[in-house]
Amino acid sequence: MTLVREVSLFRNGRNQALRVPRDFELPGDTAYMYQDGPRLIVESAPAQTFAGLFAGWGPLAETLPDIEDELMPLDEAVF
């Protein structure tokens, strides 16, 4: 059976908000909300992964300098 709870609606400035009971807490800081007919659906946003972050990046607009094959000599006085 689906758990059903009555929640209170209130105004937060010009927005309507609702209190989410602890039983229904979502992980993270963001969620997706959409309407399906008369229903309002709130889903937790998937966690951002490094792969997803990299996939959202476009190609670099600048060229990288050429790297020489030789290593730079160490200056022992610095260490």
C-alpha atoms as a PDB file:
ATOM      1  CA  MET A   1       0.000   0.000   0.000  1.00  0.00           C
ATOM      2  CA  THR A   2       1.231   3.507  -0.821  1.00  0.00           C
ATOM      3  CA  LEU A   3       1.977   5.738   2.147  1.00  0.00           C
ATOM      4  CA  VAL A   4      -0.274   8.824   2.073  1.00  0.00           C
ATOM      5  CA  ARG A   5       0.185  11.824   4.359  1.00  0.00           C
ATOM      6  CA  GLU A   6      -1.673  15.103   4.620  1.00  0.00           C
ATOM      7  CA  VAL A   7       0.720  18.055   4.295  1.00  0.00           C
ATOM      8  CA  SER A   8       0.276  21.748   4.998  1.00  0.00           C
ATOM      9  CA  LEU A   9       0.578  24.365   2.279  1.00  0.00           C
ATOM     10  CA  PHE A  10       1.807  27.877   3.036  1.00  0.00           C
ATOM     11  CA  ARG A  11       2.994  31.029   1.301  1.00  0.00           C
ATOM     12  CA  ASN A  12       6.682  31.871   1.014  1.00  0.00           C
ATOM     13  CA  GLY A  13       6.706  35.343  -0.495  1.00  0.00           C
ATOM     14  CA  ARG A  14       4.797  35.037  -3.766  1.00  0.00           C
ATOM     15  CA  ASN A  15       5.305  31.243  -3.975  1.00  0.00           C
ATOM     16  CA  GLN A  16       3.195  28.474  -2.560  1.00  0.00           C
ATOM     17  CA  ALA A  17       5.223  25.892  -0.628  1.00  0.00           C
ATOM     18  CA  LEU A  18       4.593  22.702   1.264  1.00  0.00           C
ATOM     19  CA  ARG A  19       6.234  21.053   4.213  1.00  0.00           C
ATOM     20  CA  VAL A  20       7.719  17.684   3.350  1.00  0.00           C
ATOM     21  CA  PRO A  21       7.283  15.233   6.236  1.00  0.00           C
ATOM     22  CA  ARG A  22      10.401  13.422   7.409  1.00  0.00           C
ATOM     23  CA  ASP A  23       8.994  10.148   6.023  1.00  0.00           C
ATOM     24  CA  PHE A  24       9.171  11.664   2.525  1.00  0.00           C
ATOM     25  CA  GLU A  25      12.507  13.535   2.710  1.00  0.00           C
ATOM     26  CA  LEU A  26      14.471  13.559  -0.532  1.00  0.00           C
ATOM     27  CA  PRO A  27      18.262  13.261  -0.690  1.00  0.00           C
ATOM     28  CA  GLY A  28      20.351  16.181  -1.919  1.00  0.00           C
ATOM     29  CA  ASP A  29      19.603  19.864  -2.355  1.00  0.00           C
ATOM     30  CA  THR A  30      17.617  19.865  -5.614  1.00  0.00           C
ATOM     31  CA  ALA A  31      14.592  18.090  -7.031  1.00  0.00           C
ATOM     32  CA  TYR A  32      12.503  18.042 -10.197  1.00  0.00           C
ATOM     33  CA  MET A  33       8.831  19.013 -10.096  1.00  0.00           C
ATOM     34  CA  TYR A  34       6.227  18.563 -12.812  1.00  0.00           C
ATOM     35  CA  GLN A  35       2.485  18.262 -13.241  1.00  0.00           C
ATOM     36  CA  ASP A  36       0.752  15.152 -14.550  1.00  0.00           C
ATOM     37  CA  GLY A  37      -2.866  16.182 -14.932  1.00  0.00           C
ATOM     38  CA  PRO A  38      -4.126  17.136 -11.464  1.00  0.00           C
ATOM     39  CA  ARG A  39      -1.083  15.541  -9.769  1.00  0.00           C
ATOM     40  CA  LEU A  40       2.036  17.428  -8.717  1.00  0.00           C
ATOM     41  CA  ILE A  41       5.083  15.132  -8.840  1.00  0.00           C
ATOM     42  CA  VAL A  42       8.374  15.844  -7.067  1.00  0.00           C
ATOM     43  CA  GLU A  43      11.389  13.632  -7.753  1.00  0.00           C
ATOM     44  CA  SER A  44      14.878  13.848  -6.313  1.00  0.00           C
ATOM     45  CA  ALA A  45      17.479  14.993  -8.815  1.00  0.00           C
ATOM     46  CA  PRO A  46      20.082  12.349  -9.628  1.00  0.00           C
ATOM     47  CA  ALA A  47      23.477  12.870  -8.042  1.00  0.00           C
ATOM     48  CA  GLN A  48      25.963  14.608 -10.321  1.00  0.00           C
ATOM     49  CA  THR A  49      28.803  12.306 -11.353  1.00  0.00           C
ATOM     50  CA  PHE A  50      32.167  13.304 -12.797  1.00  0.00           C
ATOM     51  CA  ALA A  51      31.177  11.590 -16.070  1.00  0.00           C
ATOM     52  CA  GLY A  52      28.002  13.691 -16.237  1.00  0.00           C
ATOM     53  CA  LEU A  53      29.938  16.837 -15.413  1.00  0.00           C
ATOM     54  CA  PHE A  54      32.522  16.166 -18.139  1.00  0.00           C
ATOM     55  CA  ALA A  55      29.802  15.292 -20.671  1.00  0.00           C
ATOM     56  CA  GLY A  56      28.288  18.743 -20.168  1.00  0.00           C
ATOM     57  CA  TRP A  57      31.520  20.530 -21.020  1.00  0.00           C
ATOM     58  CA  GLY A  58      32.181  21.653 -24.565  1.00  0.00           C
ATOM     59  CA  PRO A  59      35.541  21.604 -26.322  1.00  0.00           C
ATOM     60  CA  LEU A  60      38.199  24.103 -25.254  1.00  0.00           C
ATOM     61  CA  ALA A  61      38.255  27.282 -27.318  1.00  0.00           C
ATOM     62  CA  GLU A  62      41.995  27.770 -26.866  1.00  0.00           C
ATOM     63  CA  THR A  63      44.933  25.662 -27.926  1.00  0.00           C
ATOM     64  CA  LEU A  64      47.296  24.221 -25.367  1.00  0.00           C
ATOM     65  CA  PRO A  65      51.039  24.869 -25.697  1.00  0.00           C
ATOM     66  CA  ASP A  66      53.356  22.123 -26.919  1.00  0.00           C
ATOM     67  CA  ILE A  67      55.112  20.250 -24.136  1.00  0.00           C
ATOM     68  CA  GLU A  68      58.766  19.368 -24.503  1.00  0.00           C
ATOM     69  CA  ASP A  69      59.752  15.749 -23.932  1.00  0.00           C
ATOM     70  CA  GLU A  70      62.597  16.667 -21.598  1.00  0.00           C
ATOM     71  CA  LEU A  71      62.095  17.327 -17.911  1.00  0.00           C
ATOM     72  CA  MET A  72      63.130  20.637 -16.465  1.00  0.00           C
ATOM     73  CA  PRO A  73      66.256  20.424 -14.295  1.00  0.00           C
ATOM     74  CA  LEU A  74      65.616  20.651 -10.567  1.00  0.00           C
ATOM     75  CA  ASP A  75      67.100  23.542  -8.690  1.00  0.00           C
ATOM     76  CA  GLU A  76      68.256  21.977  -5.455  1.00  0.00           C
ATOM     77  CA  ALA A  77      68.462  25.395  -3.722  1.00  0.00           C
ATOM     78  CA  VAL A  78      64.671  25.784  -3.919  1.00  0.00           C
ATOM     79  CA  PHE A  79      64.018  22.673  -1.853  1.00  0.00           C
END
